[in-house]
């Protein structure tokens, strides 16, 4: 499985809600919000996200995000990493 789930709309999309569920015994070190990024930005992402980009993983192992007014052909979703 890839280390992200990103939606790249080809047509108008007013709203996108995403929920990613991780194994509670193995949650990632970080989850970051990807918003209107080019495919190369999240495909080759090799950094540590800024605190403003971080998304919490709750006690059930889920991370959620909502997006509105998505840009066509740009990715929005969540990306995660195992080491910080």
PDB file of N, CA and C in Angstrom:
ATOM      1  N   UNK A   1       0.833  -1.179   0.000  1.00  0.00           N
ATOM      2  CA  UNK A   1       0.000   0.000   0.000  1.00  0.00           C
ATOM      3  C   UNK A   1       0.880   1.245   0.000  1.00  0.00           C
ATOM      4  N   UNK A   2       0.483   2.219  -0.753  1.00  0.00           N
ATOM      5  CA  UNK A   2       1.218   3.477  -0.791  1.00  0.00           C
ATOM      6  C   UNK A   2       1.088   4.210   0.542  1.00  0.00           C
ATOM      7  N   UNK A   3       1.952   5.182   0.749  1.00  0.00           N
ATOM      8  CA  UNK A   3       1.932   5.944   2.000  1.00  0.00           C
ATOM      9  C   UNK A   3       1.084   7.212   1.884  1.00  0.00           C
ATOM     10  N   UNK A   4       0.096   7.173   1.021  1.00  0.00           N
ATOM     11  CA  UNK A   4      -0.842   8.284   0.900  1.00  0.00           C
ATOM     12  C   UNK A   4      -2.123   7.806   0.238  1.00  0.00           C
ATOM     13  N   UNK A   5      -3.184   8.575   0.449  1.00  0.00           N
ATOM     14  CA  UNK A   5      -4.417   8.403  -0.294  1.00  0.00           C
ATOM     15  C   UNK A   5      -4.821   9.799  -0.744  1.00  0.00           C
ATOM     16  N   UNK A   6      -4.766  10.009  -2.040  1.00  0.00           N
ATOM     17  CA  UNK A   6      -5.001  11.337  -2.611  1.00  0.00           C
ATOM     18  C   UNK A   6      -5.991  11.219  -3.757  1.00  0.00           C
ATOM     19  N   UNK A   7      -6.937  12.130  -3.794  1.00  0.00           N
ATOM     20  CA  UNK A   7      -7.951  12.208  -4.846  1.00  0.00           C
ATOM     21  C   UNK A   7      -7.602  13.355  -5.775  1.00  0.00           C
ATOM     22  N   UNK A   8      -7.511  13.064  -7.078  1.00  0.00           N
ATOM     23  CA  UNK A   8      -7.236  14.088  -8.094  1.00  0.00           C
ATOM     24  C   UNK A   8      -8.443  14.166  -9.025  1.00  0.00           C
ATOM     25  N   UNK A   9      -9.355  15.088  -8.773  1.00  0.00           N
ATOM     26  CA  UNK A   9     -10.576  15.150  -9.584  1.00  0.00           C
ATOM     27  C   UNK A   9     -10.301  15.601 -11.018  1.00  0.00           C
ATOM     28  N   UNK A  10     -10.981  14.948 -11.934  1.00  0.00           N
ATOM     29  CA  UNK A  10     -10.896  15.331 -13.341  1.00  0.00           C
ATOM     30  C   UNK A  10     -12.058  16.241 -13.737  1.00  0.00           C
ATOM     31  N   UNK A  11     -13.045  16.286 -12.880  1.00  0.00           N
ATOM     32  CA  UNK A  11     -14.205  17.157 -13.086  1.00  0.00           C
ATOM     33  C   UNK A  11     -14.439  17.932 -11.798  1.00  0.00           C
ATOM     34  N   UNK A  12     -15.343  18.871 -11.859  1.00  0.00           N
ATOM     35  CA  UNK A  12     -15.672  19.673 -10.682  1.00  0.00           C
ATOM     36  C   UNK A  12     -16.028  18.770  -9.501  1.00  0.00           C
ATOM     37  N   UNK A  13     -15.484  19.105  -8.356  1.00  0.00           N
ATOM     38  CA  UNK A  13     -15.790  18.391  -7.120  1.00  0.00           C
ATOM     39  C   UNK A  13     -15.923  19.429  -6.010  1.00  0.00           C
ATOM     40  N   UNK A  14     -17.108  19.514  -5.436  1.00  0.00           N
ATOM     41  CA  UNK A  14     -17.367  20.517  -4.411  1.00  0.00           C
ATOM     42  C   UNK A  14     -16.887  20.087  -3.031  1.00  0.00           C
ATOM     43  N   UNK A  15     -16.918  18.785  -2.744  1.00  0.00           N
ATOM     44  CA  UNK A  15     -16.551  18.315  -1.407  1.00  0.00           C
ATOM     45  C   UNK A  15     -15.996  16.896  -1.471  1.00  0.00           C
ATOM     46  N   UNK A  16     -14.992  16.644  -0.635  1.00  0.00           N
ATOM     47  CA  UNK A  16     -14.376  15.324  -0.517  1.00  0.00           C
ATOM     48  C   UNK A  16     -14.075  15.083   0.956  1.00  0.00           C
ATOM     49  N   UNK A  17     -14.628  14.019   1.500  1.00  0.00           N
ATOM     50  CA  UNK A  17     -14.376  13.629   2.887  1.00  0.00           C
ATOM     51  C   UNK A  17     -13.583  12.333   2.879  1.00  0.00           C
ATOM     52  N   UNK A  18     -12.530  12.291   3.664  1.00  0.00           N
ATOM     53  CA  UNK A  18     -11.636  11.130   3.670  1.00  0.00           C
ATOM     54  C   UNK A  18     -11.432  10.641   5.094  1.00  0.00           C
ATOM     55  N   UNK A  19     -11.485   9.331   5.251  1.00  0.00           N
ATOM     56  CA  UNK A  19     -11.202   8.682   6.525  1.00  0.00           C
ATOM     57  C   UNK A  19     -10.245   7.531   6.232  1.00  0.00           C
ATOM     58  N   UNK A  20      -9.095   7.538   6.887  1.00  0.00           N
ATOM     59  CA  UNK A  20      -8.110   6.469   6.725  1.00  0.00           C
ATOM     60  C   UNK A  20      -7.979   5.776   8.074  1.00  0.00           C
ATOM     61  N   UNK A  21      -8.097   4.456   8.071  1.00  0.00           N
ATOM     62  CA  UNK A  21      -8.006   3.700   9.315  1.00  0.00           C
ATOM     63  C   UNK A  21      -6.718   2.871   9.312  1.00  0.00           C
ATOM     64  N   UNK A  22      -5.948   3.055  10.382  1.00  0.00           N
ATOM     65  CA  UNK A  22      -4.698   2.324  10.569  1.00  0.00           C
ATOM     66  C   UNK A  22      -4.891   1.272  11.660  1.00  0.00           C
ATOM     67  N   UNK A  23      -4.031   0.271  11.634  1.00  0.00           N
ATOM     68  CA  UNK A  23      -3.995  -0.712  12.715  1.00  0.00           C
ATOM     69  C   UNK A  23      -3.604   0.026  13.991  1.00  0.00           C
ATOM     70  N   UNK A  24      -4.419  -0.075  15.033  1.00  0.00           N
ATOM     71  CA  UNK A  24      -4.140   0.667  16.266  1.00  0.00           C
ATOM     72  C   UNK A  24      -2.812   0.272  16.907  1.00  0.00           C
ATOM     73  N   UNK A  25      -2.317  -0.907  16.618  1.00  0.00           N
ATOM     74  CA  UNK A  25      -1.032  -1.321  17.187  1.00  0.00           C
ATOM     75  C   UNK A  25       0.156  -0.834  16.352  1.00  0.00           C
ATOM     76  N   UNK A  26      -0.149  -0.223  15.208  1.00  0.00           N
ATOM     77  CA  UNK A  26       0.921   0.260  14.317  1.00  0.00           C
ATOM     78  C   UNK A  26       0.489   1.532  13.600  1.00  0.00           C
ATOM     79  N   UNK A  27       0.328   2.620  14.339  1.00  0.00           N
ATOM     80  CA  UNK A  27      -0.055   3.887  13.714  1.00  0.00           C
ATOM     81  C   UNK A  27       1.207   4.574  13.197  1.00  0.00           C
ATOM     82  N   UNK A  28       1.096   5.358  12.124  1.00  0.00           N
ATOM     83  CA  UNK A  28       2.266   6.045  11.583  1.00  0.00           C
ATOM     84  C   UNK A  28       2.788   7.108  12.545  1.00  0.00           C
ATOM     85  N   UNK A  29       4.035   7.497  12.345  1.00  0.00           N
ATOM     86  CA  UNK A  29       4.658   8.544  13.168  1.00  0.00           C
ATOM     87  C   UNK A  29       4.000   9.893  12.906  1.00  0.00           C
ATOM     88  N   UNK A  30       3.540  10.106  11.673  1.00  0.00           N
ATOM     89  CA  UNK A  30       2.863  11.362  11.331  1.00  0.00           C
ATOM     90  C   UNK A  30       1.893  11.137  10.179  1.00  0.00           C
ATOM     91  N   UNK A  31       0.874  11.977  10.146  1.00  0.00           N
ATOM     92  CA  UNK A  31      -0.086  12.039   9.036  1.00  0.00           C
ATOM     93  C   UNK A  31      -0.192  13.504   8.666  1.00  0.00           C
ATOM     94  N   UNK A  32      -0.063  13.789   7.382  1.00  0.00           N
ATOM     95  CA  UNK A  32      -0.150  15.186   6.954  1.00  0.00           C
ATOM     96  C   UNK A  32      -1.266  15.371   5.940  1.00  0.00           C
ATOM     97  N   UNK A  33      -1.813  16.568   5.929  1.00  0.00           N
ATOM     98  CA  UNK A  33      -2.864  16.966   5.000  1.00  0.00           C
ATOM     99  C   UNK A  33      -2.215  17.381   3.681  1.00  0.00           C
ATOM    100  N   UNK A  34      -2.691  16.811   2.599  1.00  0.00           N
ATOM    101  CA  UNK A  34      -2.248  17.166   1.248  1.00  0.00           C
ATOM    102  C   UNK A  34      -3.399  17.947   0.627  1.00  0.00           C
ATOM    103  N   UNK A  35      -3.127  19.173   0.223  1.00  0.00           N
ATOM    104  CA  UNK A  35      -4.213  19.989  -0.322  1.00  0.00           C
ATOM    105  C   UNK A  35      -3.770  20.692  -1.589  1.00  0.00           C
ATOM    106  N   UNK A  36      -4.427  20.337  -2.709  1.00  0.00           N
ATOM    107  CA  UNK A  36      -4.178  20.954  -4.019  1.00  0.00           C
ATOM    108  C   UNK A  36      -2.704  20.918  -4.389  1.00  0.00           C
ATOM    109  N   UNK A  37      -2.102  19.733  -4.275  1.00  0.00           N
ATOM    110  CA  UNK A  37      -0.692  19.568  -4.617  1.00  0.00           C
ATOM    111  C   UNK A  37      -0.545  18.835  -5.949  1.00  0.00           C
ATOM    112  N   UNK A  38       0.515  19.152  -6.638  1.00  0.00           N
ATOM    113  CA  UNK A  38       0.882  18.466  -7.860  1.00  0.00           C
ATOM    114  C   UNK A  38       1.280  17.034  -7.516  1.00  0.00           C
ATOM    115  N   UNK A  39       1.054  16.109  -8.428  1.00  0.00           N
ATOM    116  CA  UNK A  39       1.344  14.695  -8.185  1.00  0.00           C
ATOM    117  C   UNK A  39       2.790  14.462  -7.750  1.00  0.00           C
ATOM    118  N   UNK A  40       3.725  15.239  -8.244  1.00  0.00           N
ATOM    119  CA  UNK A  40       5.129  15.051  -7.886  1.00  0.00           C
ATOM    120  C   UNK A  40       5.416  15.470  -6.443  1.00  0.00           C
ATOM    121  N   UNK A  41       4.623  16.365  -5.900  1.00  0.00           N
ATOM    122  CA  UNK A  41       4.829  16.836  -4.533  1.00  0.00           C
ATOM    123  C   UNK A  41       4.633  15.731  -3.514  1.00  0.00           C
ATOM    124  N   UNK A  42       3.567  14.955  -3.650  1.00  0.00           N
ATOM    125  CA  UNK A  42       3.329  13.901  -2.670  1.00  0.00           C
ATOM    126  C   UNK A  42       3.931  12.568  -3.085  1.00  0.00           C
ATOM    127  N   UNK A  43       4.188  12.359  -4.374  1.00  0.00           N
ATOM    128  CA  UNK A  43       4.847  11.128  -4.825  1.00  0.00           C
ATOM    129  C   UNK A  43       6.296  11.059  -4.370  1.00  0.00           C
ATOM    130  N   UNK A  44       6.939  12.189  -4.297  1.00  0.00           N
ATOM    131  CA  UNK A  44       8.356  12.225  -3.944  1.00  0.00           C
ATOM    132  C   UNK A  44       8.605  12.901  -2.603  1.00  0.00           C
ATOM    133  N   UNK A  45       7.572  13.104  -1.811  1.00  0.00           N
ATOM    134  CA  UNK A  45       7.698  13.792  -0.527  1.00  0.00           C
ATOM    135  C   UNK A  45       8.672  13.031   0.363  1.00  0.00           C
ATOM    136  N   UNK A  46       9.665  13.745   0.874  1.00  0.00           N
ATOM    137  CA  UNK A  46      10.711  13.103   1.653  1.00  0.00           C
ATOM    138  C   UNK A  46      11.008  13.870   2.929  1.00  0.00           C
ATOM    139  N   UNK A  47      10.132  14.759   3.301  1.00  0.00           N
ATOM    140  CA  UNK A  47      10.413  15.619   4.438  1.00  0.00           C
ATOM    141  C   UNK A  47       9.652  15.227   5.687  1.00  0.00           C
ATOM    142  N   UNK A  48       9.786  16.071   6.665  1.00  0.00           N
ATOM    143  CA  UNK A  48       8.996  15.979   7.880  1.00  0.00           C
ATOM    144  C   UNK A  48       8.002  17.129   7.811  1.00  0.00           C
ATOM    145  N   UNK A  49       6.728  16.833   7.938  1.00  0.00           N
ATOM    146  CA  UNK A  49       5.723  17.888   7.763  1.00  0.00           C
ATOM    147  C   UNK A  49       5.766  18.937   8.859  1.00  0.00           C
ATOM    148  N   UNK A  50       5.381  20.140   8.487  1.00  0.00           N
ATOM    149  CA  UNK A  50       5.243  21.231   9.457  1.00  0.00           C
ATOM    150  C   UNK A  50       4.070  20.918  10.381  1.00  0.00           C
ATOM    151  N   UNK A  51       4.115  21.448  11.572  1.00  0.00           N
ATOM    152  CA  UNK A  51       3.033  21.210  12.530  1.00  0.00           C
ATOM    153  C   UNK A  51       1.676  21.621  11.972  1.00  0.00           C
ATOM    154  N   UNK A  52       1.646  22.653  11.145  1.00  0.00           N
ATOM    155  CA  UNK A  52       0.383  23.136  10.580  1.00  0.00           C
ATOM    156  C   UNK A  52      -0.230  22.141   9.584  1.00  0.00           C
ATOM    157  N   UNK A  53       0.559  21.201   9.076  1.00  0.00           N
ATOM    158  CA  UNK A  53       0.072  20.206   8.121  1.00  0.00           C
ATOM    159  C   UNK A  53      -0.376  18.913   8.794  1.00  0.00           C
ATOM    160  N   UNK A  54      -0.043  18.719  10.056  1.00  0.00           N
ATOM    161  CA  UNK A  54      -0.298  17.453  10.725  1.00  0.00           C
ATOM    162  C   UNK A  54      -1.778  17.220  11.006  1.00  0.00           C
ATOM    163  N   UNK A  55      -2.174  15.967  10.886  1.00  0.00           N
ATOM    164  CA  UNK A  55      -3.533  15.529  11.178  1.00  0.00           C
ATOM    165  C   UNK A  55      -3.427  14.469  12.272  1.00  0.00           C
ATOM    166  N   UNK A  56      -4.270  14.570  13.270  1.00  0.00           N
ATOM    167  CA  UNK A  56      -4.235  13.630  14.388  1.00  0.00           C
ATOM    168  C   UNK A  56      -4.832  12.281  14.001  1.00  0.00           C
ATOM    169  N   UNK A  57      -4.296  11.236  14.611  1.00  0.00           N
ATOM    170  CA  UNK A  57      -4.873   9.895  14.522  1.00  0.00           C
ATOM    171  C   UNK A  57      -5.582   9.659  15.853  1.00  0.00           C
ATOM    172  N   UNK A  58      -6.884   9.356  15.801  1.00  0.00           N
ATOM    173  CA  UNK A  58      -7.650   9.216  17.043  1.00  0.00           C
ATOM    174  C   UNK A  58      -7.430   7.854  17.702  1.00  0.00           C
ATOM    175  N   UNK A  59      -8.102   7.628  18.818  1.00  0.00           N
ATOM    176  CA  UNK A  59      -7.907   6.404  19.600  1.00  0.00           C
ATOM    177  C   UNK A  59      -8.353   5.137  18.867  1.00  0.00           C
ATOM    178  N   UNK A  60      -9.160   5.282  17.820  1.00  0.00           N
ATOM    179  CA  UNK A  60      -9.575   4.122  17.029  1.00  0.00           C
ATOM    180  C   UNK A  60      -8.616   3.834  15.880  1.00  0.00           C
ATOM    181  N   UNK A  61      -7.609   4.693  15.707  1.00  0.00           N
ATOM    182  CA  UNK A  61      -6.641   4.520  14.621  1.00  0.00           C
ATOM    183  C   UNK A  61      -7.037   5.233  13.343  1.00  0.00           C
ATOM    184  N   UNK A  62      -7.988   6.159  13.421  1.00  0.00           N
ATOM    185  CA  UNK A  62      -8.455   6.857  12.226  1.00  0.00           C
ATOM    186  C   UNK A  62      -7.940   8.285  12.138  1.00  0.00           C
ATOM    187  N   UNK A  63      -7.651   8.685  10.913  1.00  0.00           N
ATOM    188  CA  UNK A  63      -7.329  10.077  10.593  1.00  0.00           C
ATOM    189  C   UNK A  63      -8.368  10.529   9.576  1.00  0.00           C
ATOM    190  N   UNK A  64      -8.893  11.738   9.750  1.00  0.00           N
ATOM    191  CA  UNK A  64      -9.931  12.231   8.848  1.00  0.00           C
ATOM    192  C   UNK A  64      -9.590  13.624   8.342  1.00  0.00           C
ATOM    193  N   UNK A  65     -10.117  13.936   7.165  1.00  0.00           N
ATOM    194  CA  UNK A  65      -9.945  15.271   6.590  1.00  0.00           C
ATOM    195  C   UNK A  65     -11.106  15.533   5.640  1.00  0.00           C
ATOM    196  N   UNK A  66     -11.479  16.790   5.536  1.00  0.00           N
ATOM    197  CA  UNK A  66     -12.523  17.224   4.601  1.00  0.00           C
ATOM    198  C   UNK A  66     -11.956  18.331   3.730  1.00  0.00           C
ATOM    199  N   UNK A  67     -12.365  18.319   2.481  1.00  0.00           N
ATOM    200  CA  UNK A  67     -11.877  19.291   1.506  1.00  0.00           C
ATOM    201  C   UNK A  67     -13.069  19.860   0.754  1.00  0.00           C
ATOM    202  N   UNK A  68     -12.987  21.123   0.384  1.00  0.00           N
ATOM    203  CA  UNK A  68     -14.050  21.727  -0.414  1.00  0.00           C
ATOM    204  C   UNK A  68     -13.419  22.546  -1.531  1.00  0.00           C
ATOM    205  N   UNK A  69     -14.164  22.686  -2.614  1.00  0.00           N
ATOM    206  CA  UNK A  69     -13.674  23.459  -3.749  1.00  0.00           C
ATOM    207  C   UNK A  69     -12.384  22.912  -4.331  1.00  0.00           C
ATOM    208  N   UNK A  70     -12.310  21.610  -4.534  1.00  0.00           N
ATOM    209  CA  UNK A  70     -11.082  20.985  -5.031  1.00  0.00           C
ATOM    210  C   UNK A  70     -10.714  21.499  -6.418  1.00  0.00           C
ATOM    211  N   UNK A  71      -9.422  21.574  -6.670  1.00  0.00           N
ATOM    212  CA  UNK A  71      -8.919  22.004  -7.980  1.00  0.00           C
ATOM    213  C   UNK A  71      -8.741  20.789  -8.877  1.00  0.00           C
ATOM    214  N   UNK A  72      -9.204  20.906 -10.103  1.00  0.00           N
ATOM    215  CA  UNK A  72      -9.065  19.803 -11.049  1.00  0.00           C
ATOM    216  C   UNK A  72      -7.599  19.473 -11.281  1.00  0.00           C
ATOM    217  N   UNK A  73      -7.307  18.164 -11.299  1.00  0.00           N
ATOM    218  CA  UNK A  73      -5.985  17.613 -11.604  1.00  0.00           C
ATOM    219  C   UNK A  73      -4.943  17.860 -10.511  1.00  0.00           C
ATOM    220  N   UNK A  74      -5.337  18.371  -9.362  1.00  0.00           N
ATOM    221  CA  UNK A  74      -4.434  18.550  -8.224  1.00  0.00           C
ATOM    222  C   UNK A  74      -4.910  17.643  -7.092  1.00  0.00           C
ATOM    223  N   UNK A  75      -3.975  17.079  -6.367  1.00  0.00           N
ATOM    224  CA  UNK A  75      -4.301  16.097  -5.350  1.00  0.00           C
ATOM    225  C   UNK A  75      -4.637  16.678  -3.991  1.00  0.00           C
ATOM    226  N   UNK A  76      -5.637  16.085  -3.354  1.00  0.00           N
ATOM    227  CA  UNK A  76      -6.016  16.424  -1.981  1.00  0.00           C
ATOM    228  C   UNK A  76      -6.278  15.123  -1.237  1.00  0.00           C
ATOM    229  N   UNK A  77      -5.748  15.022  -0.033  1.00  0.00           N
ATOM    230  CA  UNK A  77      -5.944  13.808   0.744  1.00  0.00           C
ATOM    231  C   UNK A  77      -5.025  13.771   1.949  1.00  0.00           C
ATOM    232  N   UNK A  78      -4.591  12.563   2.304  1.00  0.00           N
ATOM    233  CA  UNK A  78      -3.707  12.362   3.446  1.00  0.00           C
ATOM    234  C   UNK A  78      -2.484  11.562   3.040  1.00  0.00           C
ATOM    235  N   UNK A  79      -1.376  11.870   3.689  1.00  0.00           N
ATOM    236  CA  UNK A  79      -0.125  11.152   3.474  1.00  0.00           C
ATOM    237  C   UNK A  79       0.464  10.865   4.847  1.00  0.00           C
ATOM    238  N   UNK A  80       1.162   9.741   4.987  1.00  0.00           N
ATOM    239  CA  UNK A  80       1.702   9.377   6.291  1.00  0.00           C
ATOM    240  C   UNK A  80       3.105   8.814   6.157  1.00  0.00           C
ATOM    241  N   UNK A  81       3.800   8.830   7.286  1.00  0.00           N
ATOM    242  CA  UNK A  81       5.166   8.307   7.344  1.00  0.00           C
ATOM    243  C   UNK A  81       5.369   7.547   8.645  1.00  0.00           C
ATOM    244  N   UNK A  82       6.257   6.589   8.602  1.00  0.00           N
ATOM    245  CA  UNK A  82       6.457   5.702   9.746  1.00  0.00           C
ATOM    246  C   UNK A  82       7.560   6.160  10.673  1.00  0.00           C
ATOM    247  N   UNK A  83       8.496   6.950  10.182  1.00  0.00           N
ATOM    248  CA  UNK A  83       9.581   7.440  11.030  1.00  0.00           C
ATOM    249  C   UNK A  83       9.579   8.939  11.002  1.00  0.00           C
ATOM    250  N   UNK A  84       9.935   9.549  12.115  1.00  0.00           N
ATOM    251  CA  UNK A  84       9.975  11.008  12.171  1.00  0.00           C
ATOM    252  C   UNK A  84      11.373  11.488  12.431  1.00  0.00           C
TER     253      UNK A  84
END
